[in-house]
Amino acid sequence: MKITDETIDHLAHLSRLEFNGDQKVRIKSDLNKIVAFVDQLSTVDTTGVEPLIFMTETENILRDDVDVVTISQQEALKNAAVHDSDYFKIPTVLKK
């Protein structure tokens, strides 16, 4: 794949970027190097290689979800600056 000025302009438009003069030349050079590097991968023989979905065979090891009461509602409200019988009270943030 050859990177052209039209390709650069199209990518710039899609990414809402603007490349002028020397910037466009540098971006074009960098993209050509990237494409050349990726093209090297096509020379690798992948016959018999299964597609890789995960990097390791390890699966997520999750702990059991256990409901544990660590602090009561009354203890939580005890240090609140302002509260009613069940809830913290805070100043109004959004007005109608």
N, C-alpha and C. Protein backbone atom coordinates (compact mmCIF):
# COMPACT_ATOMS: atom_id res chain seq x y z
N MET A 1 0.85 -1.18 0.00
CA MET A 1 0.00 0.00 0.00
C MET A 1 0.89 1.24 0.00
N LYS A 2 0.63 2.12 -0.91
CA LYS A 2 1.39 3.36 -1.04
C LYS A 2 0.59 4.50 -0.40
N ILE A 3 1.24 5.24 0.46
CA ILE A 3 0.60 6.39 1.11
C ILE A 3 0.77 7.61 0.20
N THR A 4 -0.34 8.19 -0.20
CA THR A 4 -0.31 9.36 -1.09
C THR A 4 -0.76 10.60 -0.32
N ASP A 5 -0.62 11.76 -0.97
CA ASP A 5 -1.09 13.00 -0.36
C ASP A 5 -2.60 12.95 -0.14
N GLU A 6 -3.30 12.29 -1.07
CA GLU A 6 -4.76 12.16 -0.92
C GLU A 6 -5.10 11.33 0.31
N THR A 7 -4.31 10.28 0.56
CA THR A 7 -4.52 9.45 1.75
C THR A 7 -4.31 10.27 3.01
N ILE A 8 -3.26 11.07 3.02
CA ILE A 8 -2.98 11.92 4.17
C ILE A 8 -4.11 12.92 4.37
N ASP A 9 -4.58 13.53 3.30
CA ASP A 9 -5.68 14.49 3.41
C ASP A 9 -6.95 13.81 3.93
N HIS A 10 -7.21 12.61 3.45
CA HIS A 10 -8.39 11.88 3.90
C HIS A 10 -8.29 11.53 5.38
N LEU A 11 -7.13 11.03 5.81
CA LEU A 11 -6.94 10.70 7.23
C LEU A 11 -7.02 11.95 8.10
N ALA A 12 -6.47 13.05 7.61
CA ALA A 12 -6.53 14.30 8.35
C ALA A 12 -7.98 14.74 8.52
N HIS A 13 -8.76 14.60 7.46
CA HIS A 13 -10.17 14.97 7.53
C HIS A 13 -10.91 14.08 8.54
N LEU A 14 -10.69 12.77 8.47
CA LEU A 14 -11.37 11.84 9.37
C LEU A 14 -11.01 12.09 10.84
N SER A 15 -9.76 12.45 11.07
CA SER A 15 -9.30 12.66 12.45
C SER A 15 -9.40 14.11 12.89
N ARG A 16 -9.93 14.95 12.01
CA ARG A 16 -10.09 16.38 12.30
C ARG A 16 -8.76 17.03 12.67
N LEU A 17 -7.73 16.64 11.91
CA LEU A 17 -6.40 17.23 12.07
C LEU A 17 -6.04 17.99 10.81
N GLU A 18 -5.01 18.79 10.91
CA GLU A 18 -4.57 19.55 9.75
C GLU A 18 -3.05 19.44 9.65
N PHE A 19 -2.57 18.98 8.48
CA PHE A 19 -1.14 18.85 8.25
C PHE A 19 -0.76 19.79 7.11
N ASN A 20 0.24 20.59 7.34
CA ASN A 20 0.68 21.55 6.33
C ASN A 20 2.16 21.35 6.04
N GLY A 21 2.54 21.51 4.80
CA GLY A 21 3.95 21.52 4.38
C GLY A 21 4.77 20.39 4.92
N ASP A 22 5.74 20.75 5.78
CA ASP A 22 6.69 19.78 6.33
C ASP A 22 5.99 18.72 7.18
N GLN A 23 4.92 19.11 7.86
CA GLN A 23 4.18 18.14 8.68
C GLN A 23 3.62 17.02 7.81
N LYS A 24 3.06 17.38 6.66
CA LYS A 24 2.48 16.38 5.76
C LYS A 24 3.56 15.44 5.24
N VAL A 25 4.74 15.96 4.94
CA VAL A 25 5.85 15.14 4.46
C VAL A 25 6.28 14.16 5.54
N ARG A 26 6.40 14.63 6.78
CA ARG A 26 6.81 13.77 7.90
C ARG A 26 5.77 12.70 8.19
N ILE A 27 4.50 13.07 8.19
CA ILE A 27 3.43 12.10 8.43
C ILE A 27 3.42 11.05 7.34
N LYS A 28 3.59 11.48 6.10
CA LYS A 28 3.61 10.55 4.97
C LYS A 28 4.77 9.56 5.12
N SER A 29 5.93 10.07 5.50
CA SER A 29 7.10 9.22 5.70
C SER A 29 6.86 8.22 6.83
N ASP A 30 6.32 8.70 7.94
CA ASP A 30 6.06 7.83 9.08
C ASP A 30 5.04 6.74 8.73
N LEU A 31 3.97 7.10 8.03
CA LEU A 31 2.96 6.12 7.65
C LEU A 31 3.52 5.09 6.67
N ASN A 32 4.39 5.53 5.75
CA ASN A 32 5.03 4.58 4.83
C ASN A 32 5.90 3.58 5.60
N LYS A 33 6.61 4.05 6.63
CA LYS A 33 7.44 3.15 7.44
C LYS A 33 6.56 2.16 8.21
N ILE A 34 5.44 2.64 8.73
CA ILE A 34 4.52 1.76 9.47
C ILE A 34 3.96 0.68 8.54
N VAL A 35 3.52 1.09 7.38
CA VAL A 35 2.94 0.13 6.41
C VAL A 35 4.00 -0.88 5.98
N ALA A 36 5.24 -0.43 5.74
CA ALA A 36 6.32 -1.34 5.35
C ALA A 36 6.60 -2.34 6.47
N PHE A 37 6.56 -1.89 7.70
CA PHE A 37 6.81 -2.79 8.83
C PHE A 37 5.69 -3.83 8.93
N VAL A 38 4.46 -3.40 8.79
CA VAL A 38 3.33 -4.33 8.86
C VAL A 38 3.36 -5.30 7.67
N ASP A 39 3.80 -4.84 6.52
CA ASP A 39 3.91 -5.72 5.34
C ASP A 39 4.89 -6.86 5.58
N GLN A 40 5.88 -6.65 6.44
CA GLN A 40 6.82 -7.71 6.76
C GLN A 40 6.12 -8.90 7.41
N LEU A 41 5.02 -8.64 8.11
CA LEU A 41 4.29 -9.72 8.77
C LEU A 41 3.68 -10.69 7.77
N SER A 42 3.41 -10.22 6.56
CA SER A 42 2.81 -11.10 5.56
C SER A 42 3.79 -12.16 5.08
N THR A 43 5.08 -11.98 5.34
CA THR A 43 6.07 -12.97 4.92
C THR A 43 6.19 -14.12 5.93
N VAL A 44 5.60 -13.98 7.09
CA VAL A 44 5.69 -15.02 8.12
C VAL A 44 4.72 -16.15 7.79
N ASP A 45 5.21 -17.39 7.87
CA ASP A 45 4.38 -18.56 7.59
C ASP A 45 3.52 -18.85 8.82
N THR A 46 2.21 -18.69 8.68
CA THR A 46 1.28 -18.92 9.80
C THR A 46 0.43 -20.17 9.57
N THR A 47 0.90 -21.06 8.73
CA THR A 47 0.18 -22.30 8.47
C THR A 47 0.04 -23.10 9.76
N GLY A 48 -1.18 -23.47 10.08
CA GLY A 48 -1.43 -24.28 11.28
C GLY A 48 -1.48 -23.50 12.57
N VAL A 49 -1.36 -22.19 12.52
CA VAL A 49 -1.41 -21.36 13.72
C VAL A 49 -2.85 -20.93 13.95
N GLU A 50 -3.37 -21.27 15.13
CA GLU A 50 -4.73 -20.91 15.47
C GLU A 50 -4.82 -19.41 15.77
N PRO A 51 -5.93 -18.78 15.46
CA PRO A 51 -6.11 -17.36 15.82
C PRO A 51 -6.00 -17.17 17.33
N LEU A 52 -5.37 -16.11 17.73
CA LEU A 52 -5.15 -15.83 19.14
C LEU A 52 -6.22 -14.87 19.63
N ILE A 53 -6.97 -15.33 20.63
CA ILE A 53 -8.00 -14.48 21.21
C ILE A 53 -7.49 -13.87 22.51
N PHE A 54 -6.84 -14.70 23.34
CA PHE A 54 -6.31 -14.23 24.61
C PHE A 54 -4.80 -14.49 24.64
N MET A 55 -4.08 -13.66 25.36
CA MET A 55 -2.63 -13.79 25.42
C MET A 55 -2.17 -14.95 26.29
N THR A 56 -2.99 -15.36 27.27
CA THR A 56 -2.64 -16.47 28.14
C THR A 56 -3.84 -17.39 28.29
N GLU A 57 -3.60 -18.54 28.85
CA GLU A 57 -4.68 -19.50 29.11
C GLU A 57 -5.41 -19.18 30.41
N THR A 58 -4.88 -18.25 31.18
CA THR A 58 -5.47 -17.90 32.47
C THR A 58 -6.80 -17.20 32.28
N GLU A 59 -7.78 -17.61 33.06
CA GLU A 59 -9.07 -16.94 33.05
C GLU A 59 -9.15 -16.05 34.27
N ASN A 60 -10.10 -15.12 34.24
CA ASN A 60 -10.28 -14.24 35.39
C ASN A 60 -10.62 -15.07 36.62
N ILE A 61 -9.89 -14.82 37.67
CA ILE A 61 -10.17 -15.50 38.93
C ILE A 61 -10.81 -14.46 39.84
N LEU A 62 -12.08 -14.64 40.08
CA LEU A 62 -12.84 -13.67 40.85
C LEU A 62 -13.20 -14.25 42.21
N ARG A 63 -13.22 -13.42 43.21
CA ARG A 63 -13.64 -13.88 44.52
C ARG A 63 -15.16 -13.91 44.57
N ASP A 64 -15.67 -14.69 45.50
CA ASP A 64 -17.11 -14.74 45.68
C ASP A 64 -17.61 -13.39 46.20
N ASP A 65 -18.77 -12.99 45.72
CA ASP A 65 -19.38 -11.74 46.14
C ASP A 65 -20.16 -12.02 47.42
N VAL A 66 -19.60 -11.60 48.54
CA VAL A 66 -20.20 -11.88 49.84
C VAL A 66 -20.68 -10.57 50.43
N ASP A 67 -21.94 -10.54 50.83
CA ASP A 67 -22.52 -9.36 51.45
C ASP A 67 -22.09 -9.30 52.91
N VAL A 68 -21.31 -8.28 53.26
CA VAL A 68 -20.81 -8.13 54.62
C VAL A 68 -21.13 -6.71 55.08
N VAL A 69 -21.75 -6.58 56.21
CA VAL A 69 -22.03 -5.26 56.77
C VAL A 69 -20.79 -4.84 57.56
N THR A 70 -20.17 -3.76 57.12
CA THR A 70 -18.95 -3.29 57.80
C THR A 70 -19.23 -2.08 58.68
N ILE A 71 -20.27 -1.33 58.34
CA ILE A 71 -20.63 -0.16 59.14
C ILE A 71 -22.14 0.01 59.04
N SER A 72 -22.73 0.33 60.15
CA SER A 72 -24.19 0.49 60.15
C SER A 72 -24.56 1.88 59.62
N GLN A 73 -25.82 2.03 59.26
CA GLN A 73 -26.31 3.31 58.75
C GLN A 73 -26.16 4.39 59.82
N GLN A 74 -26.45 4.05 61.05
CA GLN A 74 -26.34 5.03 62.14
C GLN A 74 -24.89 5.47 62.35
N GLU A 75 -23.95 4.53 62.25
CA GLU A 75 -22.54 4.88 62.39
C GLU A 75 -22.07 5.78 61.25
N ALA A 76 -22.57 5.52 60.05
CA ALA A 76 -22.19 6.35 58.91
C ALA A 76 -22.72 7.77 59.06
N LEU A 77 -23.94 7.90 59.53
CA LEU A 77 -24.55 9.22 59.68
C LEU A 77 -24.03 9.99 60.89
N LYS A 78 -23.43 9.30 61.83
CA LYS A 78 -22.97 9.91 63.08
C LYS A 78 -22.02 11.08 62.85
N ASN A 79 -21.13 11.01 61.86
CA ASN A 79 -20.14 12.06 61.63
C ASN A 79 -20.54 13.03 60.52
N ALA A 80 -21.75 12.89 59.98
CA ALA A 80 -22.20 13.77 58.90
C ALA A 80 -22.49 15.16 59.46
N ALA A 81 -22.12 16.18 58.71
CA ALA A 81 -22.38 17.55 59.14
C ALA A 81 -23.88 17.80 59.25
N VAL A 82 -24.62 17.37 58.25
CA VAL A 82 -26.07 17.54 58.25
C VAL A 82 -26.70 16.24 57.75
N HIS A 83 -27.69 15.76 58.47
CA HIS A 83 -28.39 14.55 58.05
C HIS A 83 -29.77 14.53 58.67
N ASP A 84 -30.65 13.70 58.10
CA ASP A 84 -31.93 13.47 58.75
C ASP A 84 -31.88 12.04 59.29
N SER A 85 -32.99 11.43 59.55
CA SER A 85 -32.96 10.12 60.19
C SER A 85 -32.33 9.03 59.33
N ASP A 86 -32.38 9.16 57.99
CA ASP A 86 -31.88 8.08 57.13
C ASP A 86 -30.82 8.49 56.12
N TYR A 87 -30.66 9.79 55.81
CA TYR A 87 -29.84 10.19 54.67
C TYR A 87 -28.90 11.34 55.02
N PHE A 88 -27.79 11.42 54.24
CA PHE A 88 -26.93 12.59 54.29
C PHE A 88 -27.66 13.73 53.60
N LYS A 89 -27.49 14.95 54.09
CA LYS A 89 -28.06 16.12 53.42
C LYS A 89 -26.90 16.95 52.88
N ILE A 90 -27.05 17.39 51.64
CA ILE A 90 -26.02 18.19 51.01
C ILE A 90 -26.68 19.41 50.39
N PRO A 91 -25.91 20.46 50.11
CA PRO A 91 -26.50 21.64 49.45
C PRO A 91 -26.97 21.27 48.05
N THR A 92 -27.97 21.97 47.56
CA THR A 92 -28.49 21.74 46.22
C THR A 92 -27.42 22.04 45.19
N VAL A 93 -27.25 21.11 44.26
CA VAL A 93 -26.24 21.27 43.23
C VAL A 93 -26.87 21.75 41.93
N LEU A 94 -27.97 21.14 41.55
CA LEU A 94 -28.65 21.51 40.32
C LEU A 94 -29.99 22.14 40.68
N LYS A 95 -30.32 23.22 40.01
CA LYS A 95 -31.61 23.87 40.26
C LYS A 95 -32.50 23.64 39.06
N LYS A 96 -33.79 23.62 39.31
CA LYS A 96 -34.76 23.40 38.23
C LYS A 96 -34.87 24.60 37.34
